[in-house]
Amino acid sequence: MGTIMGTAVALILVIGCVVLSVRALLRDRKNGKCLCGKDCKSCGGHCK
């Protein structure tokens, strides 16, 4: 039972990190930032 609980806790932590990362990426894109770190408004459209 202890290994199952440890695995569940680790899985919840990993899922939480992924959700926070995706949320930050989406928020940055909404604010006009590109994944490459540059401003999407002046990149020529390759970020979209």
PDB file of N, CA and C in Angstrom:
ATOM      1  N   MET A   1       0.815  -1.194   0.000  1.00  0.00           N
ATOM      2  CA  MET A   1       0.000   0.000   0.000  1.00  0.00           C
ATOM      3  C   MET A   1       0.860   1.260   0.000  1.00  0.00           C
ATOM      4  N   GLY A   2       2.023   1.200   0.651  1.00  0.00           N
ATOM      5  CA  GLY A   2       2.895   2.359   0.738  1.00  0.00           C
ATOM      6  C   GLY A   2       3.480   2.752  -0.601  1.00  0.00           C
ATOM      7  N   THR A   3       3.818   1.749  -1.438  1.00  0.00           N
ATOM      8  CA  THR A   3       4.388   2.077  -2.749  1.00  0.00           C
ATOM      9  C   THR A   3       3.335   2.659  -3.681  1.00  0.00           C
ATOM     10  N   ILE A   4       2.112   2.200  -3.537  1.00  0.00           N
ATOM     11  CA  ILE A   4       1.027   2.742  -4.357  1.00  0.00           C
ATOM     12  C   ILE A   4       0.772   4.198  -3.979  1.00  0.00           C
ATOM     13  N   MET A   5       0.793   4.499  -2.693  1.00  0.00           N
ATOM     14  CA  MET A   5       0.571   5.867  -2.228  1.00  0.00           C
ATOM     15  C   MET A   5       1.712   6.773  -2.685  1.00  0.00           C
ATOM     16  N   GLY A   6       2.942   6.300  -2.615  1.00  0.00           N
ATOM     17  CA  GLY A   6       4.085   7.078  -3.072  1.00  0.00           C
ATOM     18  C   GLY A   6       4.026   7.348  -4.560  1.00  0.00           C
ATOM     19  N   THR A   7       3.622   6.343  -5.325  1.00  0.00           N
ATOM     20  CA  THR A   7       3.476   6.507  -6.764  1.00  0.00           C
ATOM     21  C   THR A   7       2.374   7.503  -7.089  1.00  0.00           C
ATOM     22  N   ALA A   8       1.284   7.443  -6.369  1.00  0.00           N
ATOM     23  CA  ALA A   8       0.165   8.364  -6.600  1.00  0.00           C
ATOM     24  C   ALA A   8       0.582   9.801  -6.295  1.00  0.00           C
ATOM     25  N   VAL A   9       1.315  10.005  -5.220  1.00  0.00           N
ATOM     26  CA  VAL A   9       1.761  11.345  -4.858  1.00  0.00           C
ATOM     27  C   VAL A   9       2.726  11.882  -5.917  1.00  0.00           C
ATOM     28  N   ALA A  10       3.653  11.037  -6.361  1.00  0.00           N
ATOM     29  CA  ALA A  10       4.602  11.456  -7.392  1.00  0.00           C
ATOM     30  C   ALA A  10       3.875  11.786  -8.691  1.00  0.00           C
ATOM     31  N   LEU A  11       2.890  10.988  -9.052  1.00  0.00           N
ATOM     32  CA  LEU A  11       2.116  11.233 -10.268  1.00  0.00           C
ATOM     33  C   LEU A  11       1.353  12.549 -10.176  1.00  0.00           C
ATOM     34  N   ILE A  12       0.763  12.831  -9.047  1.00  0.00           N
ATOM     35  CA  ILE A  12       0.037  14.085  -8.855  1.00  0.00           C
ATOM     36  C   ILE A  12       0.988  15.270  -8.975  1.00  0.00           C
ATOM     37  N   LEU A  13       2.186  15.160  -8.411  1.00  0.00           N
ATOM     38  CA  LEU A  13       3.166  16.244  -8.507  1.00  0.00           C
ATOM     39  C   LEU A  13       3.607  16.474  -9.952  1.00  0.00           C
ATOM     40  N   VAL A  14       3.851  15.407 -10.690  1.00  0.00           N
ATOM     41  CA  VAL A  14       4.265  15.539 -12.092  1.00  0.00           C
ATOM     42  C   VAL A  14       3.151  16.163 -12.916  1.00  0.00           C
ATOM     43  N   ILE A  15       1.927  15.700 -12.739  1.00  0.00           N
ATOM     44  CA  ILE A  15       0.789  16.259 -13.474  1.00  0.00           C
ATOM     45  C   ILE A  15       0.621  17.742 -13.134  1.00  0.00           C
ATOM     46  N   GLY A  16       0.786  18.101 -11.872  1.00  0.00           N
ATOM     47  CA  GLY A  16       0.688  19.498 -11.465  1.00  0.00           C
ATOM     48  C   GLY A  16       1.745  20.363 -12.143  1.00  0.00           C
ATOM     49  N   CYS A  17       2.980  19.861 -12.240  1.00  0.00           N
ATOM     50  CA  CYS A  17       4.052  20.607 -12.909  1.00  0.00           C
ATOM     51  C   CYS A  17       3.745  20.786 -14.388  1.00  0.00           C
ATOM     52  N   VAL A  18       3.249  19.755 -15.029  1.00  0.00           N
ATOM     53  CA  VAL A  18       2.918  19.843 -16.454  1.00  0.00           C
ATOM     54  C   VAL A  18       1.795  20.857 -16.673  1.00  0.00           C
ATOM     55  N   VAL A  19       0.777  20.812 -15.837  1.00  0.00           N
ATOM     56  CA  VAL A  19      -0.341  21.744 -15.972  1.00  0.00           C
ATOM     57  C   VAL A  19       0.138  23.183 -15.805  1.00  0.00           C
ATOM     58  N   LEU A  20       0.978  23.434 -14.819  1.00  0.00           N
ATOM     59  CA  LEU A  20       1.488  24.791 -14.600  1.00  0.00           C
ATOM     60  C   LEU A  20       2.359  25.253 -15.762  1.00  0.00           C
ATOM     61  N   SER A  21       3.158  24.355 -16.325  1.00  0.00           N
ATOM     62  CA  SER A  21       4.013  24.713 -17.459  1.00  0.00           C
ATOM     63  C   SER A  21       3.188  25.054 -18.690  1.00  0.00           C
ATOM     64  N   VAL A  22       2.192  24.244 -18.994  1.00  0.00           N
ATOM     65  CA  VAL A  22       1.346  24.491 -20.160  1.00  0.00           C
ATOM     66  C   VAL A  22       0.570  25.793 -19.966  1.00  0.00           C
ATOM     67  N   ARG A  23       0.104  26.019 -18.761  1.00  0.00           N
ATOM     68  CA  ARG A  23      -0.627  27.254 -18.469  1.00  0.00           C
ATOM     69  C   ARG A  23       0.254  28.487 -18.683  1.00  0.00           C
ATOM     70  N   ALA A  24       1.505  28.399 -18.265  1.00  0.00           N
ATOM     71  CA  ALA A  24       2.435  29.521 -18.450  1.00  0.00           C
ATOM     72  C   ALA A  24       2.721  29.739 -19.931  1.00  0.00           C
ATOM     73  N   LEU A  25       2.884  28.658 -20.696  1.00  0.00           N
ATOM     74  CA  LEU A  25       3.122  28.785 -22.133  1.00  0.00           C
ATOM     75  C   LEU A  25       1.935  29.433 -22.835  1.00  0.00           C
ATOM     76  N   LEU A  26       0.736  29.014 -22.477  1.00  0.00           N
ATOM     77  CA  LEU A  26      -0.460  29.588 -23.090  1.00  0.00           C
ATOM     78  C   LEU A  26      -0.632  31.054 -22.722  1.00  0.00           C
ATOM     79  N   ARG A  27      -0.330  31.393 -21.480  1.00  0.00           N
ATOM     80  CA  ARG A  27      -0.438  32.786 -21.045  1.00  0.00           C
ATOM     81  C   ARG A  27       0.577  33.658 -21.790  1.00  0.00           C
ATOM     82  N   ASP A  28       1.808  33.146 -21.951  1.00  0.00           N
ATOM     83  CA  ASP A  28       2.823  33.898 -22.693  1.00  0.00           C
ATOM     84  C   ASP A  28       2.413  34.095 -24.141  1.00  0.00           C
ATOM     85  N   ARG A  29       1.884  33.050 -24.750  1.00  0.00           N
ATOM     86  CA  ARG A  29       1.469  33.164 -26.148  1.00  0.00           C
ATOM     87  C   ARG A  29       0.321  34.165 -26.292  1.00  0.00           C
ATOM     88  N   LYS A  30      -0.594  34.153 -25.339  1.00  0.00           N
ATOM     89  CA  LYS A  30      -1.715  35.091 -25.370  1.00  0.00           C
ATOM     90  C   LYS A  30      -1.215  36.532 -25.249  1.00  0.00           C
ATOM     91  N   ASN A  31      -0.133  36.721 -24.504  1.00  0.00           N
ATOM     92  CA  ASN A  31       0.445  38.046 -24.320  1.00  0.00           C
ATOM     93  C   ASN A  31       1.384  38.434 -25.460  1.00  0.00           C
ATOM     94  N   GLY A  32       1.492  37.609 -26.493  1.00  0.00           N
ATOM     95  CA  GLY A  32       2.273  37.943 -27.666  1.00  0.00           C
ATOM     96  C   GLY A  32       3.709  37.476 -27.639  1.00  0.00           C
ATOM     97  N   LYS A  33       4.049  36.573 -26.720  1.00  0.00           N
ATOM     98  CA  LYS A  33       5.411  36.056 -26.661  1.00  0.00           C
ATOM     99  C   LYS A  33       5.467  34.718 -27.365  1.00  0.00           C
ATOM    100  N   CYS A  34       6.610  34.428 -27.940  1.00  0.00           N
ATOM    101  CA  CYS A  34       6.812  33.192 -28.695  1.00  0.00           C
ATOM    102  C   CYS A  34       7.560  32.186 -27.832  1.00  0.00           C
ATOM    103  N   LEU A  35       7.467  30.903 -28.179  1.00  0.00           N
ATOM    104  CA  LEU A  35       8.212  29.877 -27.463  1.00  0.00           C
ATOM    105  C   LEU A  35       9.715  30.065 -27.606  1.00  0.00           C
ATOM    106  N   CYS A  36      10.138  30.710 -28.690  1.00  0.00           N
ATOM    107  CA  CYS A  36      11.570  30.919 -28.918  1.00  0.00           C
ATOM    108  C   CYS A  36      12.084  32.085 -28.080  1.00  0.00           C
ATOM    109  N   GLY A  37      11.209  32.794 -27.379  1.00  0.00           N
ATOM    110  CA  GLY A  37      11.618  33.873 -26.509  1.00  0.00           C
ATOM    111  C   GLY A  37      11.554  35.241 -27.146  1.00  0.00           C
ATOM    112  N   LYS A  38      11.144  35.301 -28.387  1.00  0.00           N
ATOM    113  CA  LYS A  38      11.073  36.582 -29.078  1.00  0.00           C
ATOM    114  C   LYS A  38       9.627  37.057 -29.150  1.00  0.00           C
ATOM    115  N   ASP A  39       9.450  38.248 -29.605  1.00  0.00           N
ATOM    116  CA  ASP A  39       8.129  38.837 -29.719  1.00  0.00           C
ATOM    117  C   ASP A  39       7.459  38.339 -30.998  1.00  0.00           C
ATOM    118  N   CYS A  40       6.324  37.680 -30.891  1.00  0.00           N
ATOM    119  CA  CYS A  40       5.635  37.100 -32.052  1.00  0.00           C
ATOM    120  C   CYS A  40       5.154  38.158 -33.039  1.00  0.00           C
ATOM    121  N   LYS A  41       4.963  39.364 -32.576  1.00  0.00           N
ATOM    122  CA  LYS A  41       4.460  40.413 -33.464  1.00  0.00           C
ATOM    123  C   LYS A  41       5.481  40.796 -34.529  1.00  0.00           C
ATOM    124  N   SER A  42       6.758  40.569 -34.248  1.00  0.00           N
ATOM    125  CA  SER A  42       7.793  40.982 -35.196  1.00  0.00           C
ATOM    126  C   SER A  42       8.572  39.800 -35.776  1.00  0.00           C
ATOM    127  N   CYS A  43       8.093  38.572 -35.579  1.00  0.00           N
ATOM    128  CA  CYS A  43       8.880  37.400 -35.990  1.00  0.00           C
ATOM    129  C   CYS A  43       8.577  36.954 -37.420  1.00  0.00           C
ATOM    130  N   GLY A  44       7.579  37.484 -38.041  1.00  0.00           N
ATOM    131  CA  GLY A  44       7.241  37.083 -39.407  1.00  0.00           C
ATOM    132  C   GLY A  44       6.238  35.943 -39.463  1.00  0.00           C
ATOM    133  N   GLY A  45       5.710  35.519 -38.352  1.00  0.00           N
ATOM    134  CA  GLY A  45       4.638  34.536 -38.358  1.00  0.00           C
ATOM    135  C   GLY A  45       5.053  33.094 -38.156  1.00  0.00           C
ATOM    136  N   HIS A  46       6.333  32.797 -37.958  1.00  0.00           N
ATOM    137  CA  HIS A  46       6.713  31.393 -37.778  1.00  0.00           C
ATOM    138  C   HIS A  46       6.340  30.843 -36.412  1.00  0.00           C
ATOM    139  N   CYS A  47       5.954  31.695 -35.479  1.00  0.00           N
ATOM    140  CA  CYS A  47       5.560  31.247 -34.136  1.00  0.00           C
ATOM    141  C   CYS A  47       4.133  30.695 -34.105  1.00  0.00           C
ATOM    142  N   LYS A  48       3.344  30.987 -35.106  1.00  0.00           N
ATOM    143  CA  LYS A  48       1.937  30.602 -35.069  1.00  0.00           C
ATOM    144  C   LYS A  48       1.711  29.282 -35.625  1.00  0.00           C
TER     145      LYS A  48
END
